[in-house]
Protein backbone atom coordinates (compact mmCIF):
# COMPACT_ATOMS: atom_id res chain seq x y z
CA UNK A 1 19.04 -10.74 -49.63
CA UNK A 2 17.14 -8.01 -47.38
CA UNK A 3 14.86 -9.47 -44.47
CA UNK A 4 11.45 -7.14 -43.51
CA UNK A 5 10.73 -7.16 -40.06
CA UNK A 6 6.83 -7.14 -39.62
CA UNK A 7 5.11 -6.06 -35.43
CA UNK A 8 3.12 -9.21 -34.51
CA UNK A 9 -0.11 -8.45 -33.23
CA UNK A 10 1.13 -10.64 -29.83
CA UNK A 11 4.21 -7.89 -29.41
CA UNK A 12 3.08 -5.84 -25.94
CA UNK A 13 1.65 -2.67 -26.18
CA UNK A 14 4.94 -0.91 -23.99
CA UNK A 15 7.30 -2.28 -26.86
CA UNK A 16 5.56 -0.54 -28.87
CA UNK A 17 8.02 2.88 -28.95
CA UNK A 18 5.05 5.17 -29.70
CA UNK A 19 3.42 3.81 -26.87
CA UNK A 20 6.90 3.54 -24.49
CA UNK A 21 6.25 6.63 -22.77
CA UNK A 22 2.53 6.27 -21.72
CA UNK A 23 4.38 3.31 -19.72
CA UNK A 24 6.30 5.94 -18.48
CA UNK A 25 4.57 8.26 -17.22
CA UNK A 26 2.50 6.42 -15.90
CA UNK A 27 4.99 4.66 -13.76
CA UNK A 28 6.41 8.23 -12.83
CA UNK A 29 2.15 9.02 -11.62
CA UNK A 30 1.79 6.06 -9.65
CA UNK A 31 4.36 3.86 -8.82
CA UNK A 32 7.71 5.54 -9.18
CA UNK A 33 9.35 5.64 -5.51
CA UNK A 34 9.47 3.26 -2.39
CA UNK A 35 8.70 4.28 1.02
CA UNK A 36 11.92 3.23 2.81
CA UNK A 37 11.53 0.17 4.67
CA UNK A 38 8.02 -0.77 2.83
CA UNK A 39 6.66 -2.29 -0.08
CA UNK A 40 4.46 0.75 -0.93
CA UNK A 41 5.01 2.58 -4.04
CA UNK A 42 3.66 5.98 -4.74
CA UNK A 43 4.08 8.34 -7.14
CA UNK A 44 4.10 11.96 -8.66
CA UNK A 45 -0.26 10.98 -8.10
CA UNK A 46 -0.48 11.59 -4.19
CA UNK A 47 2.41 14.55 -3.89
CA UNK A 48 0.01 16.20 -6.60
CA UNK A 49 -3.11 15.22 -4.52
CA UNK A 50 -1.69 17.43 -1.42
CA UNK A 51 -2.23 20.82 -3.63
CA UNK A 52 -5.98 21.39 -2.78
CA UNK A 53 -7.85 21.67 -6.40
CA UNK A 54 -4.73 22.14 -8.63
CA UNK A 55 -3.08 18.94 -7.69
CA UNK A 56 -5.71 16.44 -8.57
CA UNK A 57 -6.92 18.56 -11.35
CA UNK A 58 -3.15 18.13 -12.68
CA UNK A 59 -3.35 14.46 -12.25
CA UNK A 60 -6.60 14.02 -14.32
CA UNK A 61 -5.78 15.94 -17.07
CA UNK A 62 -2.76 13.85 -17.34
CA UNK A 63 -4.09 10.85 -17.00
CA UNK A 64 -6.55 11.73 -19.72
CA UNK A 65 -4.03 12.80 -22.09
CA UNK A 66 -2.62 9.12 -21.59
CA UNK A 67 -6.19 7.68 -22.17
CA UNK A 68 -6.24 10.15 -25.03
CA UNK A 69 -3.44 8.53 -27.04
CA UNK A 70 -3.63 5.71 -26.10
CA UNK A 71 -7.83 5.10 -27.93
CA UNK A 72 -5.85 6.77 -30.42
CA UNK A 73 -3.44 4.10 -30.80
CA UNK A 74 -6.22 1.45 -31.06
CA UNK A 75 -7.79 0.89 -27.64
CA UNK A 76 -11.22 0.20 -28.35
CA UNK A 77 -14.07 2.17 -26.78
CA UNK A 78 -15.06 -0.29 -24.25
CA UNK A 79 -11.27 0.01 -22.58
CA UNK A 80 -11.42 3.74 -22.85
CA UNK A 81 -14.82 3.82 -21.05
CA UNK A 82 -13.30 1.55 -18.25
CA UNK A 83 -9.81 3.75 -18.29
CA UNK A 84 -11.75 7.09 -17.90
CA UNK A 85 -13.60 5.15 -15.36
CA UNK A 86 -10.67 4.81 -13.09
CA UNK A 87 -8.99 8.35 -13.87
CA UNK A 88 -12.47 9.96 -12.40
CA UNK A 89 -12.77 7.67 -9.78
CA UNK A 90 -8.76 8.83 -8.11
CA UNK A 91 -9.46 12.25 -9.08
CA UNK A 92 -12.77 12.44 -7.42
CA UNK A 93 -11.67 10.12 -4.13
CA UNK A 94 -7.98 12.15 -4.54
CA UNK A 95 -9.71 15.12 -4.04
CA UNK A 96 -10.45 14.29 -0.35
CA UNK A 97 -8.08 16.38 1.55
CA UNK A 98 -5.94 12.95 3.59
CA UNK A 99 -8.25 10.50 3.00
CA UNK A 100 -7.80 11.57 -1.20
CA UNK A 101 -3.39 11.32 -1.02
CA UNK A 102 -4.21 7.37 1.15
CA UNK A 103 -5.93 6.23 -1.78
CA UNK A 104 -4.06 7.92 -4.60
CA UNK A 105 -1.38 5.60 -2.32
CA UNK A 106 -2.89 2.57 -2.90
CA UNK A 107 -5.54 2.41 -5.86
CA UNK A 108 -3.16 3.13 -9.13
CA UNK A 109 -5.42 4.14 -12.01
CA UNK A 110 -2.59 5.26 -14.59
CA UNK A 111 -0.99 1.48 -13.18
CA UNK A 112 -3.97 -0.21 -13.38
CA UNK A 113 -5.43 1.68 -17.04
CA UNK A 114 -2.07 -0.07 -17.99
CA UNK A 115 -2.58 -3.07 -17.25
CA UNK A 116 -6.34 -3.06 -18.60
CA UNK A 117 -4.20 -2.29 -21.93
CA UNK A 118 -1.63 -5.02 -22.21
CA UNK A 119 -4.80 -7.19 -21.50
CA UNK A 120 -6.62 -5.76 -24.25
CA UNK A 121 -3.69 -6.06 -26.72
CA UNK A 122 -2.04 -9.43 -25.91
CA UNK A 123 -5.33 -11.42 -24.43
CA UNK A 124 -7.80 -9.41 -26.02
CA UNK A 125 -10.11 -8.52 -23.26
CA UNK A 126 -11.94 -5.23 -22.78
CA UNK A 127 -13.33 -5.21 -26.65
CA UNK A 128 -16.71 -3.31 -27.82
CA UNK A 129 -18.21 -0.15 -27.17
CA UNK A 130 -18.55 0.30 -24.03
CA UNK A 131 -22.15 1.49 -23.87
CA UNK A 132 -23.32 -0.91 -20.64
CA UNK A 133 -20.32 0.15 -18.60
CA UNK A 134 -22.00 3.69 -19.16
CA UNK A 135 -25.58 2.58 -18.90
CA UNK A 136 -25.16 1.00 -15.57
CA UNK A 137 -22.40 3.99 -14.36
CA UNK A 138 -25.24 6.83 -15.15
CA UNK A 139 -27.90 4.72 -13.34
CA UNK A 140 -26.77 4.20 -10.31
CA UNK A 141 -24.89 8.02 -10.54
CA UNK A 142 -28.28 9.02 -11.16
CA UNK A 143 -29.56 6.74 -7.65
CA UNK A 144 -26.70 8.72 -5.67
CA UNK A 145 -27.66 11.62 -6.86
CA UNK A 146 -31.72 11.39 -5.58
CA UNK A 147 -30.21 9.99 -2.66
CA UNK A 148 -28.18 12.45 -1.64
CA UNK A 149 -31.15 15.24 -2.75
CA UNK A 150 -33.51 12.88 -0.53
CA UNK A 151 -30.46 13.82 2.86
CA UNK A 152 -30.62 17.66 1.28
CA UNK A 153 -34.55 17.83 1.44
CA UNK A 154 -34.49 16.56 4.90
CA UNK A 155 -32.42 18.79 6.39
CA UNK A 156 -34.24 21.58 4.64
CA UNK A 157 -37.38 19.85 6.12
CA UNK A 158 -35.91 19.94 9.82
CA UNK A 159 -34.31 23.34 9.50
CA UNK A 160 -37.49 24.63 8.74
CA UNK A 161 -39.41 23.04 11.36
CA UNK A 162 -37.17 24.14 14.16
CA UNK A 163 -37.77 27.61 12.65
């Protein structure tokens, strides 16, 4: 008699051979190493951020490839939006000299994304389109942009009064 094994949907995402490498790369980027004498874990991401410009871009590209792979393996649109926001936040704050490297030590966007993916597969969370998240993010960005433009306008106004 022949037995046929069927992969159950409850199988953790990292148990799927096609996605195991995603978790390994995420771990390498965010938490592969430990600072001796502490519980602080870090990966290549904070080290890459020490290279101005290129390091954060390289980290963002790696995160994007991981997200794209997860999307191709069934991640919902809402989940992908959350993962892209994590990676973008990591890249933006990581680009700030010194502060960004410290931020990279603790934020760990890739590890967060793997956790989101596990929740998606194991608990059915993060389903849907993600349009609401995109709209809220867009509004926040517009408010920030308006604030920056207002401050720049006031600075230019003050300079012209001085001249």
